N, C-alpha and C. Protein backbone atom coordinates (compact mmCIF):
# COMPACT_ATOMS: atom_id res chain seq x y z
N MET A 1 4.29 30.06 45.79
CA MET A 1 3.27 30.03 44.78
C MET A 1 3.50 30.95 43.68
N GLN A 2 4.19 32.13 43.90
CA GLN A 2 4.54 32.96 42.78
C GLN A 2 5.61 32.45 41.85
N SER A 3 6.51 31.54 42.45
CA SER A 3 7.53 31.03 41.53
C SER A 3 6.85 30.06 40.56
N VAL A 4 5.81 29.37 41.00
CA VAL A 4 5.06 28.32 40.07
C VAL A 4 4.34 29.24 39.08
N LEU A 5 3.80 30.36 39.39
CA LEU A 5 3.12 31.11 38.36
C LEU A 5 4.08 31.64 37.43
N VAL A 6 5.22 32.06 37.82
CA VAL A 6 6.31 32.62 36.82
C VAL A 6 6.70 31.39 35.94
N LEU A 7 6.90 30.26 36.49
CA LEU A 7 7.35 29.00 35.64
C LEU A 7 6.24 28.75 34.55
N VAL A 8 4.95 28.65 34.92
CA VAL A 8 3.81 28.42 34.11
C VAL A 8 3.81 29.51 33.19
N LEU A 9 3.90 30.78 33.48
CA LEU A 9 3.81 31.98 32.63
C LEU A 9 4.93 31.84 31.45
N GLY A 10 6.17 31.55 31.91
CA GLY A 10 7.21 31.39 30.98
C GLY A 10 7.08 30.25 30.00
N LEU A 11 6.48 29.12 30.54
CA LEU A 11 6.17 27.95 29.58
C LEU A 11 5.01 28.36 28.52
N VAL A 12 4.06 29.04 29.03
CA VAL A 12 2.92 29.28 28.07
C VAL A 12 3.37 30.42 27.11
N VAL A 13 3.99 31.38 27.66
CA VAL A 13 4.48 32.49 26.74
C VAL A 13 5.51 31.90 25.75
N GLY A 14 6.44 31.10 26.24
CA GLY A 14 7.42 30.56 25.26
C GLY A 14 6.76 29.69 24.13
N ALA A 15 5.84 28.82 24.55
CA ALA A 15 5.11 27.95 23.48
C ALA A 15 4.32 28.82 22.57
N LEU A 16 3.62 29.90 23.09
CA LEU A 16 2.69 30.74 22.34
C LEU A 16 3.46 31.44 21.42
N SER A 17 4.58 32.13 21.81
CA SER A 17 5.49 32.91 20.93
C SER A 17 6.17 32.11 19.93
N GLY A 18 6.39 30.79 20.26
CA GLY A 18 7.06 30.03 19.22
C GLY A 18 6.13 29.58 18.21
N VAL A 19 4.76 29.29 18.52
CA VAL A 19 3.85 28.87 17.65
C VAL A 19 3.45 30.11 16.71
N ILE A 20 3.33 31.25 17.36
CA ILE A 20 2.96 32.48 16.57
C ILE A 20 4.09 33.04 15.68
N GLY A 21 5.34 32.77 16.27
CA GLY A 21 6.49 33.28 15.57
C GLY A 21 6.80 34.70 15.92
N ILE A 22 6.58 35.21 17.19
CA ILE A 22 6.91 36.46 17.63
C ILE A 22 8.00 36.43 18.63
N GLY A 23 8.56 37.61 19.05
CA GLY A 23 9.37 37.60 20.08
C GLY A 23 8.56 37.40 21.49
N GLY A 24 9.27 36.65 22.33
CA GLY A 24 8.41 36.38 23.64
C GLY A 24 8.21 37.67 24.60
N GLY A 25 9.18 38.74 24.32
CA GLY A 25 9.01 39.93 25.12
C GLY A 25 7.77 40.65 24.86
N VAL A 26 7.17 40.44 23.63
CA VAL A 26 5.84 41.14 23.34
C VAL A 26 4.83 40.60 24.34
N LEU A 27 4.88 39.26 24.69
CA LEU A 27 3.88 38.81 25.69
C LEU A 27 4.31 38.87 27.02
N ILE A 28 5.72 38.58 27.30
CA ILE A 28 6.07 38.36 28.65
C ILE A 28 6.14 39.67 29.44
N VAL A 29 6.45 40.71 28.81
CA VAL A 29 6.44 42.14 29.51
C VAL A 29 5.09 42.53 30.09
N PRO A 30 4.04 42.51 29.14
CA PRO A 30 2.73 42.81 29.77
C PRO A 30 2.16 41.84 30.65
N ALA A 31 2.56 40.61 30.47
CA ALA A 31 2.11 39.57 31.42
C ALA A 31 2.74 39.70 32.88
N LEU A 32 3.96 40.17 32.93
CA LEU A 32 4.66 40.39 34.16
C LEU A 32 4.07 41.64 34.85
N VAL A 33 3.84 42.70 34.01
CA VAL A 33 3.27 43.85 34.61
C VAL A 33 1.79 43.59 35.14
N TYR A 34 0.94 43.00 34.30
CA TYR A 34 -0.49 42.96 34.75
C TYR A 34 -0.86 41.73 35.62
N LEU A 35 -0.10 40.63 35.46
CA LEU A 35 -0.38 39.37 36.35
C LEU A 35 0.50 39.34 37.60
N LEU A 36 1.57 39.83 37.52
CA LEU A 36 2.50 39.81 38.76
C LEU A 36 2.72 41.11 39.45
N GLY A 37 2.25 42.24 38.82
CA GLY A 37 2.43 43.52 39.35
C GLY A 37 3.74 44.08 39.50
N VAL A 38 4.69 43.64 38.39
CA VAL A 38 5.97 44.05 38.41
C VAL A 38 6.06 45.44 37.69
N SER A 39 7.00 46.33 37.87
CA SER A 39 6.96 47.59 37.25
C SER A 39 7.42 47.31 35.77
N GLN A 40 7.06 48.23 34.96
CA GLN A 40 7.36 48.08 33.45
C GLN A 40 8.92 48.04 33.31
N HIS A 41 9.57 48.77 33.95
CA HIS A 41 11.06 48.94 33.77
C HIS A 41 11.71 47.58 34.33
N ARG A 42 11.28 47.11 35.37
CA ARG A 42 11.85 45.78 35.82
C ARG A 42 11.46 44.57 34.90
N ALA A 43 10.09 44.77 34.30
CA ALA A 43 9.61 43.65 33.40
C ALA A 43 10.49 43.70 32.21
N GLN A 44 10.82 44.75 31.59
CA GLN A 44 11.66 44.87 30.41
C GLN A 44 13.10 44.44 30.65
N GLY A 45 13.59 44.83 31.80
CA GLY A 45 14.94 44.31 32.19
C GLY A 45 15.03 42.81 32.40
N THR A 46 13.88 42.35 32.95
CA THR A 46 13.84 40.80 33.07
C THR A 46 13.86 40.14 31.76
N SER A 47 12.95 40.71 30.93
CA SER A 47 12.91 40.07 29.47
C SER A 47 14.27 40.08 28.82
N LEU A 48 15.06 41.20 28.97
CA LEU A 48 16.34 41.21 28.39
C LEU A 48 17.29 40.38 29.06
N ALA A 49 17.25 40.26 30.42
CA ALA A 49 18.11 39.33 31.06
C ALA A 49 17.93 37.84 30.67
N ALA A 50 16.72 37.60 30.33
CA ALA A 50 16.34 36.20 29.95
C ALA A 50 17.01 35.78 28.75
N LEU A 51 17.32 36.77 27.87
CA LEU A 51 18.12 36.51 26.60
C LEU A 51 19.58 36.30 26.66
N LEU A 52 20.19 36.65 27.84
CA LEU A 52 21.56 36.68 28.04
C LEU A 52 22.15 35.15 27.77
N ALA A 53 21.63 34.22 28.49
CA ALA A 53 22.04 32.76 28.34
C ALA A 53 22.01 32.23 26.99
N PRO A 54 20.77 32.24 26.29
CA PRO A 54 20.73 31.63 24.96
C PRO A 54 21.50 32.39 23.95
N VAL A 55 21.37 33.78 23.91
CA VAL A 55 22.16 34.46 22.97
C VAL A 55 23.66 34.44 23.24
N GLY A 56 24.00 34.42 24.45
CA GLY A 56 25.50 34.46 24.74
C GLY A 56 26.06 33.16 24.53
N SER A 57 25.35 31.98 24.72
CA SER A 57 25.90 30.73 24.44
C SER A 57 26.07 30.39 22.91
N LEU A 58 25.27 31.14 22.04
CA LEU A 58 25.45 30.93 20.66
C LEU A 58 26.74 31.71 20.14
N GLY A 59 27.04 32.71 20.86
CA GLY A 59 28.34 33.47 20.38
C GLY A 59 29.57 32.99 21.05
N LEU A 60 29.43 32.18 22.04
CA LEU A 60 30.75 31.79 22.79
C LEU A 60 31.69 30.85 21.97
N PRO A 61 31.12 29.94 21.07
CA PRO A 61 32.05 29.15 20.19
C PRO A 61 32.86 29.99 19.32
N ALA A 62 32.45 31.14 18.87
CA ALA A 62 33.14 32.05 17.97
C ALA A 62 34.25 32.89 18.61
N VAL A 63 34.12 33.01 19.90
CA VAL A 63 35.21 33.79 20.55
C VAL A 63 36.70 33.35 20.37
N PRO A 64 37.05 32.13 20.57
CA PRO A 64 38.44 31.77 20.35
C PRO A 64 39.00 32.03 18.97
N GLN A 65 38.05 31.63 17.99
CA GLN A 65 38.40 31.87 16.59
C GLN A 65 38.63 33.36 16.36
N SER A 66 37.67 34.20 16.91
CA SER A 66 37.89 35.61 16.62
C SER A 66 39.09 36.15 17.26
N TRP A 67 39.56 35.77 18.42
CA TRP A 67 40.74 36.25 19.04
C TRP A 67 42.01 35.68 18.27
N GLU A 68 41.92 34.57 17.88
CA GLU A 68 43.04 33.98 17.10
C GLU A 68 43.29 34.66 15.83
N CYS A 69 42.10 34.94 15.13
CA CYS A 69 42.26 35.67 13.81
C CYS A 69 42.62 37.08 14.08
N ARG A 70 42.20 37.65 15.14
CA ARG A 70 42.56 39.05 15.36
C ARG A 70 44.21 39.22 15.60
N ARG A 71 44.66 38.22 16.36
CA ARG A 71 46.13 38.21 16.49
C ARG A 71 46.91 37.99 15.26
N ALA A 72 46.45 37.02 14.47
CA ALA A 72 47.05 36.81 13.28
C ALA A 72 46.81 37.74 12.10
N ASN A 73 45.83 38.73 12.35
CA ASN A 73 45.53 39.73 11.44
C ASN A 73 44.95 39.07 10.04
N CYS A 74 44.10 38.18 10.19
CA CYS A 74 43.57 37.40 9.09
C CYS A 74 42.30 37.87 8.46
N HIS A 75 41.91 39.05 8.87
CA HIS A 75 40.63 39.51 8.29
C HIS A 75 40.84 39.95 6.78
N SER A 76 39.84 39.60 6.08
CA SER A 76 39.90 39.89 4.61
C SER A 76 39.54 41.45 4.45
N ASP A 77 39.64 41.92 3.23
CA ASP A 77 39.42 43.20 2.88
C ASP A 77 37.83 43.45 3.03
N ARG A 78 37.07 42.44 2.67
CA ARG A 78 35.52 42.53 2.88
C ARG A 78 35.27 42.85 4.24
N ASP A 79 35.87 42.09 5.29
CA ASP A 79 35.62 42.36 6.57
C ASP A 79 35.93 43.77 7.09
N ARG A 80 37.06 44.34 6.59
CA ARG A 80 37.45 45.60 6.89
C ARG A 80 36.49 46.65 6.39
N VAL A 81 36.07 46.54 5.22
CA VAL A 81 35.08 47.51 4.61
C VAL A 81 33.89 47.44 5.31
N SER A 82 33.36 46.28 5.51
CA SER A 82 32.01 46.17 6.25
C SER A 82 32.15 46.74 7.66
N HIS A 83 33.31 46.48 8.26
CA HIS A 83 33.47 47.12 9.68
C HIS A 83 33.48 48.44 9.66
N ARG A 84 34.27 49.05 8.79
CA ARG A 84 34.25 50.53 8.53
C ARG A 84 32.90 51.18 8.35
N GLY A 85 32.21 50.43 7.62
CA GLY A 85 30.85 51.06 7.34
C GLY A 85 29.89 50.97 8.58
N LEU A 86 30.04 49.92 9.38
CA LEU A 86 29.38 49.91 10.58
C LEU A 86 29.75 50.89 11.68
N VAL A 87 30.99 51.07 11.73
CA VAL A 87 31.59 51.93 12.73
C VAL A 87 31.22 53.38 12.47
N ARG A 88 31.45 53.76 11.14
CA ARG A 88 31.36 55.11 10.72
C ARG A 88 29.83 55.50 10.50
N GLY A 89 28.99 54.39 10.25
CA GLY A 89 27.54 54.67 10.02
C GLY A 89 27.42 55.18 8.57
N ARG A 90 28.25 54.66 7.70
CA ARG A 90 28.26 55.18 6.34
C ARG A 90 27.08 54.80 5.55
N PRO A 91 26.39 55.88 4.99
CA PRO A 91 25.18 55.65 4.20
C PRO A 91 25.42 54.91 2.88
N GLY A 92 24.38 54.18 2.56
CA GLY A 92 24.53 53.46 1.27
C GLY A 92 25.38 52.21 1.42
N PRO A 93 25.46 51.42 0.25
CA PRO A 93 26.16 50.15 0.51
C PRO A 93 27.59 50.33 0.48
N ALA A 94 28.33 49.38 1.13
CA ALA A 94 29.72 49.35 1.12
C ALA A 94 30.30 48.90 -0.22
N HIS A 95 31.22 49.73 -0.68
CA HIS A 95 31.93 49.21 -2.04
C HIS A 95 33.00 48.43 -1.73
N LEU A 96 33.01 47.27 -2.40
CA LEU A 96 34.19 46.36 -2.12
C LEU A 96 35.22 46.43 -3.27
């Protein structure tokens, strides 16, 4: 019975968050805590784990190209500058 409730909860929250245009975690975490009695820590972890498949599948097609480009050292100067800015936490815009 609980698995049916979880399935219905996921469908309702997914549809509602899609219609409203917000992240589903805003709705699913409180729903898991109050309706199913899950701890807040576990509810937040469940919400993050639910994102692994869709987000990971969007990044997978870029992995072979990224490794091939890394081996061939084909990154442009623009990529290097923006990467240095991200890694060092450089304040202000990156100058190209």
